[in-house]
PDB file of N, CA and C in Angstrom:
ATOM      1  N   MET A   1     -12.751 -14.273  -9.477  1.00  0.00           N
ATOM      2  CA  MET A   1     -12.021 -15.826  -9.143  1.00  0.00           C
ATOM      3  C   MET A   1     -10.510 -15.158  -9.932  1.00  0.00           C
ATOM      4  N   ASP A   2      -9.277 -15.651  -9.063  1.00  0.00           N
ATOM      5  CA  ASP A   2      -8.497 -15.134  -9.896  1.00  0.00           C
ATOM      6  C   ASP A   2      -7.623 -15.977 -10.949  1.00  0.00           C
ATOM      7  N   ALA A   3      -8.146 -17.408 -11.036  1.00  0.00           N
ATOM      8  CA  ALA A   3      -7.899 -18.204 -12.085  1.00  0.00           C
ATOM      9  C   ALA A   3      -7.661 -17.956 -13.558  1.00  0.00           C
ATOM     10  N   ASP A   4      -6.960 -18.464 -14.288  1.00  0.00           N
ATOM     11  CA  ASP A   4      -7.080 -18.313 -15.757  1.00  0.00           C
ATOM     12  C   ASP A   4      -8.154 -19.344 -16.296  1.00  0.00           C
ATOM     13  N   PRO A   5      -9.072 -18.837 -16.778  1.00  0.00           N
ATOM     14  CA  PRO A   5     -10.047 -19.991 -17.093  1.00  0.00           C
ATOM     15  C   PRO A   5      -9.632 -20.383 -18.362  1.00  0.00           C
ATOM     16  N   ALA A   6      -8.690 -20.398 -19.176  1.00  0.00           N
ATOM     17  CA  ALA A   6      -8.334 -21.323 -20.311  1.00  0.00           C
ATOM     18  C   ALA A   6      -7.213 -22.561 -19.564  1.00  0.00           C
ATOM     19  N   VAL A   7      -7.073 -22.246 -18.080  1.00  0.00           N
ATOM     20  CA  VAL A   7      -6.248 -23.288 -17.839  1.00  0.00           C
ATOM     21  C   VAL A   7      -7.325 -23.630 -16.823  1.00  0.00           C
ATOM     22  N   LEU A   8      -8.290 -23.116 -16.095  1.00  0.00           N
ATOM     23  CA  LEU A   8      -8.951 -23.978 -14.941  1.00  0.00           C
ATOM     24  C   LEU A   8      -9.912 -24.540 -15.626  1.00  0.00           C
ATOM     25  N   VAL A   9     -10.567 -24.346 -17.091  1.00  0.00           N
ATOM     26  CA  VAL A   9     -11.887 -24.839 -17.582  1.00  0.00           C
ATOM     27  C   VAL A   9     -11.330 -26.206 -18.233  1.00  0.00           C
ATOM     28  N   PRO A  10     -10.180 -25.766 -18.800  1.00  0.00           N
ATOM     29  CA  PRO A  10      -9.958 -27.801 -18.970  1.00  0.00           C
ATOM     30  C   PRO A  10      -9.605 -28.556 -17.879  1.00  0.00           C
ATOM     31  N   ALA A  11      -9.073 -28.012 -17.110  1.00  0.00           N
ATOM     32  CA  ALA A  11      -8.422 -28.853 -15.794  1.00  0.00           C
ATOM     33  C   ALA A  11     -10.325 -29.126 -14.804  1.00  0.00           C
ATOM     34  N   LEU A  12     -11.115 -28.782 -15.002  1.00  0.00           N
ATOM     35  CA  LEU A  12     -12.207 -29.013 -14.340  1.00  0.00           C
ATOM     36  C   LEU A  12     -12.918 -30.225 -15.187  1.00  0.00           C
ATOM     37  N   LEU A  13     -13.167 -29.950 -16.210  1.00  0.00           N
ATOM     38  CA  LEU A  13     -13.587 -31.076 -17.583  1.00  0.00           C
ATOM     39  C   LEU A  13     -12.526 -32.374 -17.085  1.00  0.00           C
ATOM     40  N   GLN A  14     -11.671 -32.494 -17.014  1.00  0.00           N
ATOM     41  CA  GLN A  14     -10.270 -33.441 -17.365  1.00  0.00           C
ATOM     42  C   GLN A  14     -10.521 -34.020 -16.210  1.00  0.00           C
ATOM     43  N   ALA A  15     -10.731 -33.580 -14.908  1.00  0.00           N
ATOM     44  CA  ALA A  15     -11.366 -33.851 -13.588  1.00  0.00           C
ATOM     45  C   ALA A  15     -12.638 -34.560 -13.906  1.00  0.00           C
ATOM     46  N   ALA A  16     -13.592 -34.033 -14.358  1.00  0.00           N
ATOM     47  CA  ALA A  16     -14.743 -34.753 -14.396  1.00  0.00           C
ATOM     48  C   ALA A  16     -14.970 -35.749 -15.376  1.00  0.00           C
ATOM     49  N   GLY A  17     -14.197 -36.155 -16.315  1.00  0.00           N
ATOM     50  CA  GLY A  17     -14.085 -37.039 -16.842  1.00  0.00           C
ATOM     51  C   GLY A  17     -14.458 -36.702 -18.241  1.00  0.00           C
ATOM     52  N   ILE A  18     -14.910 -35.612 -18.617  1.00  0.00           N
ATOM     53  CA  ILE A  18     -15.762 -34.795 -19.429  1.00  0.00           C
ATOM     54  C   ILE A  18     -14.712 -34.565 -20.864  1.00  0.00           C
ATOM     55  N   SER A  19     -15.250 -34.944 -22.028  1.00  0.00           N
ATOM     56  CA  SER A  19     -14.248 -34.940 -23.325  1.00  0.00           C
ATOM     57  C   SER A  19     -15.247 -33.651 -24.204  1.00  0.00           C
ATOM     58  N   PRO A  20     -15.253 -32.189 -24.196  1.00  0.00           N
ATOM     59  CA  PRO A  20     -16.664 -32.061 -25.173  1.00  0.00           C
ATOM     60  C   PRO A  20     -15.282 -31.456 -26.074  1.00  0.00           C
ATOM     61  N   SER A  21     -16.141 -31.272 -27.357  1.00  0.00           N
ATOM     62  CA  SER A  21     -15.006 -30.829 -28.471  1.00  0.00           C
ATOM     63  C   SER A  21     -14.626 -28.906 -28.138  1.00  0.00           C
ATOM     64  N   GLU A  22     -13.459 -29.344 -29.246  1.00  0.00           N
ATOM     65  CA  GLU A  22     -12.527 -27.910 -29.034  1.00  0.00           C
ATOM     66  C   GLU A  22     -13.412 -26.641 -29.046  1.00  0.00           C
ATOM     67  N   GLU A  23     -14.426 -26.350 -29.888  1.00  0.00           N
ATOM     68  CA  GLU A  23     -15.641 -25.336 -29.672  1.00  0.00           C
ATOM     69  C   GLU A  23     -16.383 -25.106 -28.706  1.00  0.00           C
ATOM     70  N   GLU A  24     -16.981 -26.468 -28.093  1.00  0.00           N
ATOM     71  CA  GLU A  24     -17.328 -26.240 -26.887  1.00  0.00           C
ATOM     72  C   GLU A  24     -16.516 -25.856 -25.383  1.00  0.00           C
ATOM     73  N   VAL A  25     -15.335 -26.325 -25.639  1.00  0.00           N
ATOM     74  CA  VAL A  25     -14.348 -25.667 -24.753  1.00  0.00           C
ATOM     75  C   VAL A  25     -14.236 -24.009 -24.851  1.00  0.00           C
ATOM     76  N   ALA A  26     -13.966 -23.894 -26.135  1.00  0.00           N
ATOM     77  CA  ALA A  26     -13.745 -22.548 -26.602  1.00  0.00           C
ATOM     78  C   ALA A  26     -15.258 -21.686 -25.933  1.00  0.00           C
ATOM     79  N   VAL A  27     -16.149 -22.033 -26.045  1.00  0.00           N
ATOM     80  CA  VAL A  27     -17.243 -21.178 -25.639  1.00  0.00           C
ATOM     81  C   VAL A  27     -17.564 -21.178 -23.904  1.00  0.00           C
ATOM     82  N   MET A  28     -17.118 -22.338 -23.297  1.00  0.00           N
ATOM     83  CA  MET A  28     -17.057 -22.526 -21.745  1.00  0.00           C
ATOM     84  C   MET A  28     -15.815 -21.574 -21.266  1.00  0.00           C
ATOM     85  N   ILE A  29     -14.924 -21.417 -22.113  1.00  0.00           N
ATOM     86  CA  ILE A  29     -13.751 -20.952 -21.666  1.00  0.00           C
ATOM     87  C   ILE A  29     -14.172 -19.223 -22.005  1.00  0.00           C
ATOM     88  N   ALA A  30     -14.828 -18.819 -22.297  1.00  0.00           N
ATOM     89  CA  ALA A  30     -15.243 -17.351 -22.810  1.00  0.00           C
ATOM     90  C   ALA A  30     -16.269 -17.391 -21.645  1.00  0.00           C
ATOM     91  N   GLU A  31     -16.868 -18.208 -21.539  1.00  0.00           N
ATOM     92  CA  GLU A  31     -18.353 -17.584 -20.784  1.00  0.00           C
ATOM     93  C   GLU A  31     -17.891 -17.700 -18.988  1.00  0.00           C
ATOM     94  N   PHE A  32     -17.137 -18.211 -18.869  1.00  0.00           N
ATOM     95  CA  PHE A  32     -16.617 -19.063 -17.422  1.00  0.00           C
ATOM     96  C   PHE A  32     -16.663 -17.513 -16.876  1.00  0.00           C
ATOM     97  N   PRO A  33     -15.871 -16.779 -16.861  1.00  0.00           N
ATOM     98  CA  PRO A  33     -15.774 -15.291 -15.801  1.00  0.00           C
ATOM     99  C   PRO A  33     -17.563 -14.976 -15.549  1.00  0.00           C
ATOM    100  N   SER A  34     -18.279 -14.704 -16.413  1.00  0.00           N
ATOM    101  CA  SER A  34     -19.798 -14.523 -16.251  1.00  0.00           C
ATOM    102  C   SER A  34     -20.633 -15.329 -15.558  1.00  0.00           C
ATOM    103  N   ARG A  35     -20.042 -16.644 -15.981  1.00  0.00           N
ATOM    104  CA  ARG A  35     -20.993 -17.316 -15.144  1.00  0.00           C
ATOM    105  C   ARG A  35     -20.198 -17.684 -13.537  1.00  0.00           C
ATOM    106  N   ALA A  36     -18.865 -17.692 -13.413  1.00  0.00           N
ATOM    107  CA  ALA A  36     -18.552 -17.538 -11.882  1.00  0.00           C
ATOM    108  C   ALA A  36     -18.931 -16.368 -10.906  1.00  0.00           C
ATOM    109  N   ALA A  37     -19.048 -15.274 -11.930  1.00  0.00           N
ATOM    110  CA  ALA A  37     -19.538 -13.938 -11.296  1.00  0.00           C
ATOM    111  C   ALA A  37     -21.339 -14.274 -10.719  1.00  0.00           C
ATOM    112  N   ALA A  38     -22.152 -14.700 -11.866  1.00  0.00           N
ATOM    113  CA  ALA A  38     -23.323 -15.297 -11.056  1.00  0.00           C
ATOM    114  C   ALA A  38     -23.348 -16.181 -10.291  1.00  0.00           C
ATOM    115  N   ILE A  39     -22.730 -16.979 -10.181  1.00  0.00           N
ATOM    116  CA  ILE A  39     -22.691 -17.817  -9.093  1.00  0.00           C
ATOM    117  C   ILE A  39     -22.488 -17.209  -7.687  1.00  0.00           C
ATOM    118  N   GLU A  40     -21.751 -16.618  -7.774  1.00  0.00           N
ATOM    119  CA  GLU A  40     -20.734 -15.901  -6.537  1.00  0.00           C
ATOM    120  C   GLU A  40     -21.726 -15.057  -5.999  1.00  0.00           C
ATOM    121  N   SER A  41     -22.712 -14.332  -7.122  1.00  0.00           N
ATOM    122  CA  SER A  41     -23.773 -13.374  -7.061  1.00  0.00           C
ATOM    123  C   SER A  41     -25.070 -14.341  -5.861  1.00  0.00           C
ATOM    124  N   LEU A  42     -24.442 -15.266  -6.196  1.00  0.00           N
ATOM    125  CA  LEU A  42     -26.292 -16.162  -5.110  1.00  0.00           C
ATOM    126  C   LEU A  42     -25.632 -16.019  -3.465  1.00  0.00           C
ATOM    127  N   TYR A  43     -24.733 -15.788  -3.267  1.00  0.00           N
ATOM    128  CA  TYR A  43     -23.952 -15.512  -2.101  1.00  0.00           C
ATOM    129  C   TYR A  43     -23.988 -14.312  -1.315  1.00  0.00           C
ATOM    130  N   ALA A  44     -24.410 -13.434  -2.359  1.00  0.00           N
ATOM    131  CA  ALA A  44     -24.387 -12.013  -1.916  1.00  0.00           C
ATOM    132  C   ALA A  44     -25.355 -11.661  -0.888  1.00  0.00           C
ATOM    133  N   VAL A  45     -26.254 -12.376  -0.746  1.00  0.00           N
ATOM    134  CA  VAL A  45     -27.237 -11.555   0.490  1.00  0.00           C
ATOM    135  C   VAL A  45     -27.019 -12.124   1.770  1.00  0.00           C
ATOM    136  N   ALA A  46     -26.483 -11.875   2.405  1.00  0.00           N
ATOM    137  CA  ALA A  46     -25.432 -11.984   3.998  1.00  0.00           C
ATOM    138  C   ALA A  46     -27.023 -12.814   4.661  1.00  0.00           C
ATOM    139  N   GLU A  47     -28.248 -11.948   4.557  1.00  0.00           N
ATOM    140  CA  GLU A  47     -28.974 -12.659   5.070  1.00  0.00           C
ATOM    141  C   GLU A  47     -29.571 -14.045   5.056  1.00  0.00           C
ATOM    142  N   ALA A  48     -29.627 -14.294   3.309  1.00  0.00           N
ATOM    143  CA  ALA A  48     -30.580 -15.641   3.096  1.00  0.00           C
ATOM    144  C   ALA A  48     -29.000 -16.974   3.041  1.00  0.00           C
ATOM    145  N   ARG A  49     -28.083 -16.269   3.855  1.00  0.00           N
ATOM    146  CA  ARG A  49     -26.949 -17.099   3.517  1.00  0.00           C
ATOM    147  C   ARG A  49     -26.881 -18.667   4.071  1.00  0.00           C
ATOM    148  N   TYR A  50     -27.858 -19.153   5.160  1.00  0.00           N
ATOM    149  CA  TYR A  50     -27.951 -20.631   5.886  1.00  0.00           C
ATOM    150  C   TYR A  50     -29.471 -20.701   5.634  1.00  0.00           C
ATOM    151  N   GLU A  51     -30.089 -19.871   4.854  1.00  0.00           N
ATOM    152  CA  GLU A  51     -31.688 -20.284   4.718  1.00  0.00           C
ATOM    153  C   GLU A  51     -31.684 -21.282   4.008  1.00  0.00           C
ATOM    154  N   GLU A  52     -33.003 -22.254   3.743  1.00  0.00           N
ATOM    155  CA  GLU A  52     -33.221 -23.015   2.838  1.00  0.00           C
ATOM    156  C   GLU A  52     -34.430 -22.206   1.743  1.00  0.00           C
ATOM    157  N   PRO A  53     -34.511 -22.705   0.727  1.00  0.00           N
ATOM    158  CA  PRO A  53     -35.423 -21.936  -0.298  1.00  0.00           C
ATOM    159  C   PRO A  53     -36.453 -22.775  -0.275  1.00  0.00           C
ATOM    160  N   ASP A  54     -37.551 -21.754  -0.165  1.00  0.00           N
ATOM    161  CA  ASP A  54     -38.939 -22.428  -0.366  1.00  0.00           C
ATOM    162  C   ASP A  54     -39.360 -23.729  -1.131  1.00  0.00           C
ATOM    163  N   LEU A  55     -38.481 -24.475  -1.597  1.00  0.00           N
ATOM    164  CA  LEU A  55     -38.964 -25.666  -2.703  1.00  0.00           C
ATOM    165  C   LEU A  55     -38.254 -26.639  -2.673  1.00  0.00           C
ATOM    166  N   VAL A  56     -38.223 -26.660  -1.279  1.00  0.00           N
ATOM    167  CA  VAL A  56     -37.752 -27.993  -0.656  1.00  0.00           C
ATOM    168  C   VAL A  56     -38.608 -29.017   0.205  1.00  0.00           C
ATOM    169  N   PHE A  57     -38.220 -30.051  -0.627  1.00  0.00           N
ATOM    170  CA  PHE A  57     -39.534 -31.323  -0.641  1.00  0.00           C
ATOM    171  C   PHE A  57     -39.052 -32.035   0.702  1.00  0.00           C
ATOM    172  N   ARG A  58     -40.279 -31.892   1.328  1.00  0.00           N
ATOM    173  CA  ARG A  58     -39.634 -33.103   2.562  1.00  0.00           C
ATOM    174  C   ARG A  58     -40.814 -34.229   2.774  1.00  0.00           C
ATOM    175  N   ALA A  59     -40.675 -35.290   2.503  1.00  0.00           N
ATOM    176  CA  ALA A  59     -41.248 -36.568   2.620  1.00  0.00           C
ATOM    177  C   ALA A  59     -41.269 -37.169   4.028  1.00  0.00           C
ATOM    178  N   THR A  60     -42.393 -36.965   4.734  1.00  0.00           N
ATOM    179  CA  THR A  60     -42.820 -37.662   5.886  1.00  0.00           C
ATOM    180  C   THR A  60     -43.782 -38.926   5.932  1.00  0.00           C
ATOM    181  N   LEU A  61     -43.560 -39.732   6.639  1.00  0.00           N
ATOM    182  CA  LEU A  61     -44.445 -40.795   6.732  1.00  0.00           C
ATOM    183  C   LEU A  61     -45.103 -41.054   7.737  1.00  0.00           C
TER     184      LEU A  61
END
């Protein structure tokens, strides 16, 4: 992601209506690049892109 975490994280928190402490925001900003990369890696396996996980519960009556 090309966005600056120092801008993006506070904007996302504000949009969500969340008001964490300054220390918590600083940690979120610092960890944002690695978390964003981890999320992107979930989509890296092209063969699994449209598959459902095994842990899908379907209640049928």
